[in-house]
């Protein structure tokens, strides 16, 4: 087995855990099966993670990172604030549609954490992370687009986290992507009413 930096090895195990849990479910996925999925020894797993709790928290963070990267890219300033905001929601939604099993896993992780004694804090951390993620995206828009909010950042971030979380679960249950698109349009319209700002023109390209 080739040696690699510990951070890279952790990432390898996290992605293996996501694949295994998406396929087999959280309760049936063991540290041994994750190590096998990653093609490493069990001792390597225990070297990288002190506990299953630590692994699950890393899994939650990794799944969030998967979609926040595409959203960050999507909310580069467009012609209008509304177009910019809607593009961000569309990028998130495209990720949901392309990776439904991964998003379904997030709900299973929540239920598992709430039912498993000693793991309850992971569910709280998961939903705090969602709000923190929207706070970061709002701050990016405030910097890039010059938004002024009519409500506190924390309120808007929590609102968006609640709306997208509920919409995602609704889609996973009902499978109605058309209805989801209409709701995203409505959310984007509501966000525009909660902010003030104008898109700043992009800097002219060299040459």
C-alpha atoms as a PDB file:
ATOM      1  CA  UNK A   1       0.000   0.000   0.000  1.00  0.00           C
ATOM      2  CA  UNK A   2       1.471   3.303  -1.085  1.00  0.00           C
ATOM      3  CA  UNK A   3       2.117   5.890   1.606  1.00  0.00           C
ATOM      4  CA  UNK A   4       0.237   9.169   1.344  1.00  0.00           C
ATOM      5  CA  UNK A   5      -0.183  12.248   3.555  1.00  0.00           C
ATOM      6  CA  UNK A   6      -2.586  11.719   6.450  1.00  0.00           C
ATOM      7  CA  UNK A   7      -4.953  14.458   5.224  1.00  0.00           C
ATOM      8  CA  UNK A   8      -5.216  12.730   1.843  1.00  0.00           C
ATOM      9  CA  UNK A   9      -5.747   9.373   3.527  1.00  0.00           C
ATOM     10  CA  UNK A  10      -8.546  10.876   5.655  1.00  0.00           C
ATOM     11  CA  UNK A  11     -10.184  12.238   2.529  1.00  0.00           C
ATOM     12  CA  UNK A  12      -9.943   8.821   0.906  1.00  0.00           C
ATOM     13  CA  UNK A  13     -11.668   7.219   3.892  1.00  0.00           C
ATOM     14  CA  UNK A  14     -14.359   9.908   4.055  1.00  0.00           C
ATOM     15  CA  UNK A  15     -15.261   9.450   0.393  1.00  0.00           C
ATOM     16  CA  UNK A  16     -15.253   5.668   0.887  1.00  0.00           C
ATOM     17  CA  UNK A  17     -17.589   6.102   3.854  1.00  0.00           C
ATOM     18  CA  UNK A  18     -19.971   8.205   1.754  1.00  0.00           C
ATOM     19  CA  UNK A  19     -20.074   5.529  -0.938  1.00  0.00           C
ATOM     20  CA  UNK A  20     -20.565   2.701   1.573  1.00  0.00           C
ATOM     21  CA  UNK A  21     -23.236   4.510   3.601  1.00  0.00           C
ATOM     22  CA  UNK A  22     -25.112   5.599   0.481  1.00  0.00           C
ATOM     23  CA  UNK A  23     -25.141   2.003  -0.738  1.00  0.00           C
ATOM     24  CA  UNK A  24     -25.666   0.084   2.513  1.00  0.00           C
ATOM     25  CA  UNK A  25     -27.152   2.577   4.966  1.00  0.00           C
ATOM     26  CA  UNK A  26     -25.564   4.155   8.021  1.00  0.00           C
ATOM     27  CA  UNK A  27     -26.345   1.467  10.651  1.00  0.00           C
ATOM     28  CA  UNK A  28     -25.002  -1.336   8.449  1.00  0.00           C
ATOM     29  CA  UNK A  29     -21.779   0.466   7.572  1.00  0.00           C
ATOM     30  CA  UNK A  30     -18.940  -0.444   9.932  1.00  0.00           C
ATOM     31  CA  UNK A  31     -15.417   0.873  10.280  1.00  0.00           C
ATOM     32  CA  UNK A  32     -14.242  -2.428   8.803  1.00  0.00           C
ATOM     33  CA  UNK A  33     -16.453  -2.090   5.732  1.00  0.00           C
ATOM     34  CA  UNK A  34     -15.300   1.498   5.223  1.00  0.00           C
ATOM     35  CA  UNK A  35     -11.670   0.403   5.375  1.00  0.00           C
ATOM     36  CA  UNK A  36     -12.437  -2.324   2.835  1.00  0.00           C
ATOM     37  CA  UNK A  37     -14.198   0.193   0.578  1.00  0.00           C
ATOM     38  CA  UNK A  38     -11.112   2.407   0.718  1.00  0.00           C
ATOM     39  CA  UNK A  39      -8.834  -0.610   0.221  1.00  0.00           C
ATOM     40  CA  UNK A  40      -6.846   0.093   3.390  1.00  0.00           C
ATOM     41  CA  UNK A  41      -6.291  -1.834   6.596  1.00  0.00           C
ATOM     42  CA  UNK A  42      -8.489  -1.278   9.644  1.00  0.00           C
ATOM     43  CA  UNK A  43      -5.450   0.039  11.494  1.00  0.00           C
ATOM     44  CA  UNK A  44      -5.170   2.854   8.927  1.00  0.00           C
ATOM     45  CA  UNK A  45      -8.763   3.842   9.664  1.00  0.00           C
ATOM     46  CA  UNK A  46      -8.101   4.006  13.409  1.00  0.00           C
ATOM     47  CA  UNK A  47      -4.934   5.986  12.773  1.00  0.00           C
ATOM     48  CA  UNK A  48      -6.939   8.609  10.835  1.00  0.00           C
ATOM     49  CA  UNK A  49     -10.070   8.722  13.017  1.00  0.00           C
ATOM     50  CA  UNK A  50     -10.390   8.403  16.773  1.00  0.00           C
ATOM     51  CA  UNK A  51     -14.032   7.361  16.624  1.00  0.00           C
ATOM     52  CA  UNK A  52     -17.030   6.748  14.383  1.00  0.00           C
ATOM     53  CA  UNK A  53     -18.440  10.051  15.633  1.00  0.00           C
ATOM     54  CA  UNK A  54     -15.435  11.884  14.236  1.00  0.00           C
ATOM     55  CA  UNK A  55     -15.865  10.097  10.908  1.00  0.00           C
ATOM     56  CA  UNK A  56     -19.577  10.936  10.687  1.00  0.00           C
ATOM     57  CA  UNK A  57     -18.931  14.609  11.349  1.00  0.00           C
ATOM     58  CA  UNK A  58     -16.313  14.582   8.603  1.00  0.00           C
ATOM     59  CA  UNK A  59     -18.774  12.886   6.249  1.00  0.00           C
ATOM     60  CA  UNK A  60     -21.374  15.607   6.901  1.00  0.00           C
ATOM     61  CA  UNK A  61     -18.786  18.315   6.233  1.00  0.00           C
ATOM     62  CA  UNK A  62     -17.580  16.594   3.059  1.00  0.00           C
ATOM     63  CA  UNK A  63     -21.057  16.268   1.556  1.00  0.00           C
ATOM     64  CA  UNK A  64     -21.640  19.968   2.243  1.00  0.00           C
ATOM     65  CA  UNK A  65     -18.314  20.797   0.601  1.00  0.00           C
ATOM     66  CA  UNK A  66     -19.353  18.815  -2.485  1.00  0.00           C
ATOM     67  CA  UNK A  67     -22.189  21.194  -3.305  1.00  0.00           C
ATOM     68  CA  UNK A  68     -20.959  24.454  -1.811  1.00  0.00           C
ATOM     69  CA  UNK A  69     -18.078  24.451  -4.303  1.00  0.00           C
ATOM     70  CA  UNK A  70     -20.433  24.446  -7.295  1.00  0.00           C
ATOM     71  CA  UNK A  71     -22.718  27.040  -5.684  1.00  0.00           C
ATOM     72  CA  UNK A  72     -19.802  29.397  -5.021  1.00  0.00           C
ATOM     73  CA  UNK A  73     -18.851  29.216  -8.670  1.00  0.00           C
ATOM     74  CA  UNK A  74     -22.443  29.711  -9.813  1.00  0.00           C
ATOM     75  CA  UNK A  75     -23.086  32.911  -7.848  1.00  0.00           C
ATOM     76  CA  UNK A  76     -20.474  34.943  -9.640  1.00  0.00           C
ATOM     77  CA  UNK A  77     -22.278  38.206 -10.520  1.00  0.00           C
ATOM     78  CA  UNK A  78     -24.805  37.986 -13.348  1.00  0.00           C
ATOM     79  CA  UNK A  79     -26.793  40.781 -15.016  1.00  0.00           C
ATOM     80  CA  UNK A  80     -29.153  41.147 -12.058  1.00  0.00           C
ATOM     81  CA  UNK A  81     -29.209  40.187  -8.388  1.00  0.00           C
ATOM     82  CA  UNK A  82     -32.129  37.875  -9.071  1.00  0.00           C
ATOM     83  CA  UNK A  83     -30.251  36.033 -11.824  1.00  0.00           C
ATOM     84  CA  UNK A  84     -27.223  35.695  -9.562  1.00  0.00           C
ATOM     85  CA  UNK A  85     -29.257  34.286  -6.677  1.00  0.00           C
ATOM     86  CA  UNK A  86     -31.246  31.959  -8.920  1.00  0.00           C
ATOM     87  CA  UNK A  87     -28.064  30.601 -10.492  1.00  0.00           C
ATOM     88  CA  UNK A  88     -26.820  29.616  -7.052  1.00  0.00           C
ATOM     89  CA  UNK A  89     -30.013  27.743  -6.256  1.00  0.00           C
ATOM     90  CA  UNK A  90     -29.897  26.031  -9.647  1.00  0.00           C
ATOM     91  CA  UNK A  91     -26.338  24.843  -9.056  1.00  0.00           C
ATOM     92  CA  UNK A  92     -27.382  23.356  -5.720  1.00  0.00           C
ATOM     93  CA  UNK A  93     -30.404  21.736  -7.296  1.00  0.00           C
ATOM     94  CA  UNK A  94     -28.416  20.266 -10.156  1.00  0.00           C
ATOM     95  CA  UNK A  95     -26.211  18.629  -7.526  1.00  0.00           C
ATOM     96  CA  UNK A  96     -29.256  17.200  -5.740  1.00  0.00           C
ATOM     97  CA  UNK A  97     -30.635  15.757  -8.977  1.00  0.00           C
ATOM     98  CA  UNK A  98     -27.264  14.308  -9.971  1.00  0.00           C
ATOM     99  CA  UNK A  99     -26.525  12.873  -6.509  1.00  0.00           C
ATOM    100  CA  UNK A 100     -29.837  11.936  -4.870  1.00  0.00           C
ATOM    101  CA  UNK A 101     -28.289   9.086  -2.874  1.00  0.00           C
ATOM    102  CA  UNK A 102     -25.738  11.399  -1.311  1.00  0.00           C
ATOM    103  CA  UNK A 103     -28.421  13.868  -0.256  1.00  0.00           C
ATOM    104  CA  UNK A 104     -30.639  11.059   1.021  1.00  0.00           C
ATOM    105  CA  UNK A 105     -27.685  10.008   3.161  1.00  0.00           C
ATOM    106  CA  UNK A 106     -27.724  13.375   4.922  1.00  0.00           C
ATOM    107  CA  UNK A 107     -31.240  12.699   6.221  1.00  0.00           C
ATOM    108  CA  UNK A 108     -30.286   9.196   7.296  1.00  0.00           C
ATOM    109  CA  UNK A 109     -27.309  10.628   9.163  1.00  0.00           C
ATOM    110  CA  UNK A 110     -29.636  13.028  10.984  1.00  0.00           C
ATOM    111  CA  UNK A 111     -31.990  10.250  12.084  1.00  0.00           C
ATOM    112  CA  UNK A 112     -29.117   7.984  13.062  1.00  0.00           C
ATOM    113  CA  UNK A 113     -27.502  10.697  15.171  1.00  0.00           C
ATOM    114  CA  UNK A 114     -30.777  11.571  16.927  1.00  0.00           C
ATOM    115  CA  UNK A 115     -31.493   7.935  17.773  1.00  0.00           C
ATOM    116  CA  UNK A 116     -27.970   6.909  18.781  1.00  0.00           C
ATOM    117  CA  UNK A 117     -27.132   7.825  22.400  1.00  0.00           C
ATOM    118  CA  UNK A 118     -24.118  10.106  22.502  1.00  0.00           C
ATOM    119  CA  UNK A 119     -24.396  11.081  18.839  1.00  0.00           C
ATOM    120  CA  UNK A 120     -27.130  13.710  19.185  1.00  0.00           C
ATOM    121  CA  UNK A 121     -24.665  16.587  18.885  1.00  0.00           C
ATOM    122  CA  UNK A 122     -23.842  15.475  15.333  1.00  0.00           C
ATOM    123  CA  UNK A 123     -27.379  16.247  14.188  1.00  0.00           C
ATOM    124  CA  UNK A 124     -27.154  19.710  15.746  1.00  0.00           C
ATOM    125  CA  UNK A 125     -23.758  20.232  14.157  1.00  0.00           C
ATOM    126  CA  UNK A 126     -25.143  19.147  10.791  1.00  0.00           C
ATOM    127  CA  UNK A 127     -27.900  21.758  10.785  1.00  0.00           C
ATOM    128  CA  UNK A 128     -25.648  24.447  12.208  1.00  0.00           C
ATOM    129  CA  UNK A 129     -23.310  23.722   9.299  1.00  0.00           C
ATOM    130  CA  UNK A 130     -26.129  24.282   6.805  1.00  0.00           C
ATOM    131  CA  UNK A 131     -26.834  27.718   8.275  1.00  0.00           C
ATOM    132  CA  UNK A 132     -23.120  28.522   8.426  1.00  0.00           C
ATOM    133  CA  UNK A 133     -22.834  27.572   4.753  1.00  0.00           C
ATOM    134  CA  UNK A 134     -25.572  29.985   3.729  1.00  0.00           C
ATOM    135  CA  UNK A 135     -23.982  32.683   5.878  1.00  0.00           C
ATOM    136  CA  UNK A 136     -20.759  32.265   3.910  1.00  0.00           C
ATOM    137  CA  UNK A 137     -22.609  32.428   0.587  1.00  0.00           C
ATOM    138  CA  UNK A 138     -24.509  35.542   1.646  1.00  0.00           C
ATOM    139  CA  UNK A 139     -21.240  37.172   2.675  1.00  0.00           C
ATOM    140  CA  UNK A 140     -19.807  36.305  -0.738  1.00  0.00           C
ATOM    141  CA  UNK A 141     -22.767  37.991  -2.421  1.00  0.00           C
ATOM    142  CA  UNK A 142     -22.478  41.019  -0.154  1.00  0.00           C
ATOM    143  CA  UNK A 143     -18.879  41.407  -1.257  1.00  0.00           C
ATOM    144  CA  UNK A 144     -19.326  40.626  -4.959  1.00  0.00           C
ATOM    145  CA  UNK A 145     -22.713  42.211  -5.575  1.00  0.00           C
ATOM    146  CA  UNK A 146     -22.859  44.845  -2.855  1.00  0.00           C
ATOM    147  CA  UNK A 147     -26.015  43.549  -1.171  1.00  0.00           C
ATOM    148  CA  UNK A 148     -27.623  45.325   1.727  1.00  0.00           C
ATOM    149  CA  UNK A 149     -29.932  43.070   3.713  1.00  0.00           C
ATOM    150  CA  UNK A 150     -33.343  44.039   5.042  1.00  0.00           C
ATOM    151  CA  UNK A 151     -33.085  41.266   7.660  1.00  0.00           C
ATOM    152  CA  UNK A 152     -30.134  40.065   9.787  1.00  0.00           C
ATOM    153  CA  UNK A 153     -27.714  37.713   8.038  1.00  0.00           C
ATOM    154  CA  UNK A 154     -28.416  34.984  10.596  1.00  0.00           C
ATOM    155  CA  UNK A 155     -32.158  35.163   9.896  1.00  0.00           C
ATOM    156  CA  UNK A 156     -31.763  34.987   6.113  1.00  0.00           C
ATOM    157  CA  UNK A 157     -29.205  32.177   6.348  1.00  0.00           C
ATOM    158  CA  UNK A 158     -31.474  30.132   8.620  1.00  0.00           C
ATOM    159  CA  UNK A 159     -34.460  30.765   6.361  1.00  0.00           C
ATOM    160  CA  UNK A 160     -32.575  29.561   3.275  1.00  0.00           C
ATOM    161  CA  UNK A 161     -31.257  26.498   5.101  1.00  0.00           C
ATOM    162  CA  UNK A 162     -34.773  25.549   6.206  1.00  0.00           C
ATOM    163  CA  UNK A 163     -36.274  26.111   2.765  1.00  0.00           C
ATOM    164  CA  UNK A 164     -33.680  24.143   0.808  1.00  0.00           C
ATOM    165  CA  UNK A 165     -33.616  21.338   3.373  1.00  0.00           C
ATOM    166  CA  UNK A 166     -37.371  20.882   3.209  1.00  0.00           C
ATOM    167  CA  UNK A 167     -37.461  21.159  -0.559  1.00  0.00           C
ATOM    168  CA  UNK A 168     -34.708  18.577  -0.951  1.00  0.00           C
ATOM    169  CA  UNK A 169     -36.505  16.051   1.242  1.00  0.00           C
ATOM    170  CA  UNK A 170     -39.776  16.710  -0.613  1.00  0.00           C
ATOM    171  CA  UNK A 171     -38.046  16.011  -3.933  1.00  0.00           C
ATOM    172  CA  UNK A 172     -36.426  12.819  -2.638  1.00  0.00           C
ATOM    173  CA  UNK A 173     -39.849  11.558  -1.560  1.00  0.00           C
ATOM    174  CA  UNK A 174     -41.994  12.740  -4.467  1.00  0.00           C
ATOM    175  CA  UNK A 175     -39.440  13.007  -7.286  1.00  0.00           C
ATOM    176  CA  UNK A 176     -41.106  16.071  -8.799  1.00  0.00           C
ATOM    177  CA  UNK A 177     -38.257  18.157 -10.226  1.00  0.00           C
ATOM    178  CA  UNK A 178     -40.651  20.513 -12.037  1.00  0.00           C
ATOM    179  CA  UNK A 179     -42.391  21.515  -8.823  1.00  0.00           C
ATOM    180  CA  UNK A 180     -39.003  21.975  -7.169  1.00  0.00           C
ATOM    181  CA  UNK A 181     -37.914  24.354  -9.911  1.00  0.00           C
ATOM    182  CA  UNK A 182     -41.026  26.459  -9.393  1.00  0.00           C
ATOM    183  CA  UNK A 183     -40.352  26.649  -5.655  1.00  0.00           C
ATOM    184  CA  UNK A 184     -36.752  27.701  -6.281  1.00  0.00           C
ATOM    185  CA  UNK A 185     -38.057  30.511  -8.474  1.00  0.00           C
ATOM    186  CA  UNK A 186     -40.271  31.627  -5.599  1.00  0.00           C
ATOM    187  CA  UNK A 187     -37.432  31.476  -3.077  1.00  0.00           C
ATOM    188  CA  UNK A 188     -35.204  33.517  -5.397  1.00  0.00           C
ATOM    189  CA  UNK A 189     -37.971  36.132  -5.732  1.00  0.00           C
ATOM    190  CA  UNK A 190     -38.341  36.283  -1.959  1.00  0.00           C
ATOM    191  CA  UNK A 191     -34.597  36.727  -1.463  1.00  0.00           C
ATOM    192  CA  UNK A 192     -34.591  39.669  -3.867  1.00  0.00           C
ATOM    193  CA  UNK A 193     -37.293  41.325  -1.759  1.00  0.00           C
ATOM    194  CA  UNK A 194     -35.141  40.840   1.349  1.00  0.00           C
ATOM    195  CA  UNK A 195     -32.055  42.538  -0.079  1.00  0.00           C
ATOM    196  CA  UNK A 196     -30.993  45.732  -1.771  1.00  0.00           C
ATOM    197  CA  UNK A 197     -28.128  45.894  -4.207  1.00  0.00           C
ATOM    198  CA  UNK A 198     -26.919  46.178  -7.752  1.00  0.00           C
ATOM    199  CA  UNK A 199     -24.637  43.860  -9.642  1.00  0.00           C
ATOM    200  CA  UNK A 200     -21.212  45.372  -9.976  1.00  0.00           C
ATOM    201  CA  UNK A 201     -19.891  45.221 -13.541  1.00  0.00           C
ATOM    202  CA  UNK A 202     -17.086  42.757 -14.088  1.00  0.00           C
ATOM    203  CA  UNK A 203     -13.634  44.135 -14.678  1.00  0.00           C
ATOM    204  CA  UNK A 204     -12.763  44.362 -18.382  1.00  0.00           C
ATOM    205  CA  UNK A 205     -10.693  41.518 -19.712  1.00  0.00           C
ATOM    206  CA  UNK A 206      -7.058  42.202 -20.594  1.00  0.00           C
ATOM    207  CA  UNK A 207      -6.293  42.741 -24.226  1.00  0.00           C
END
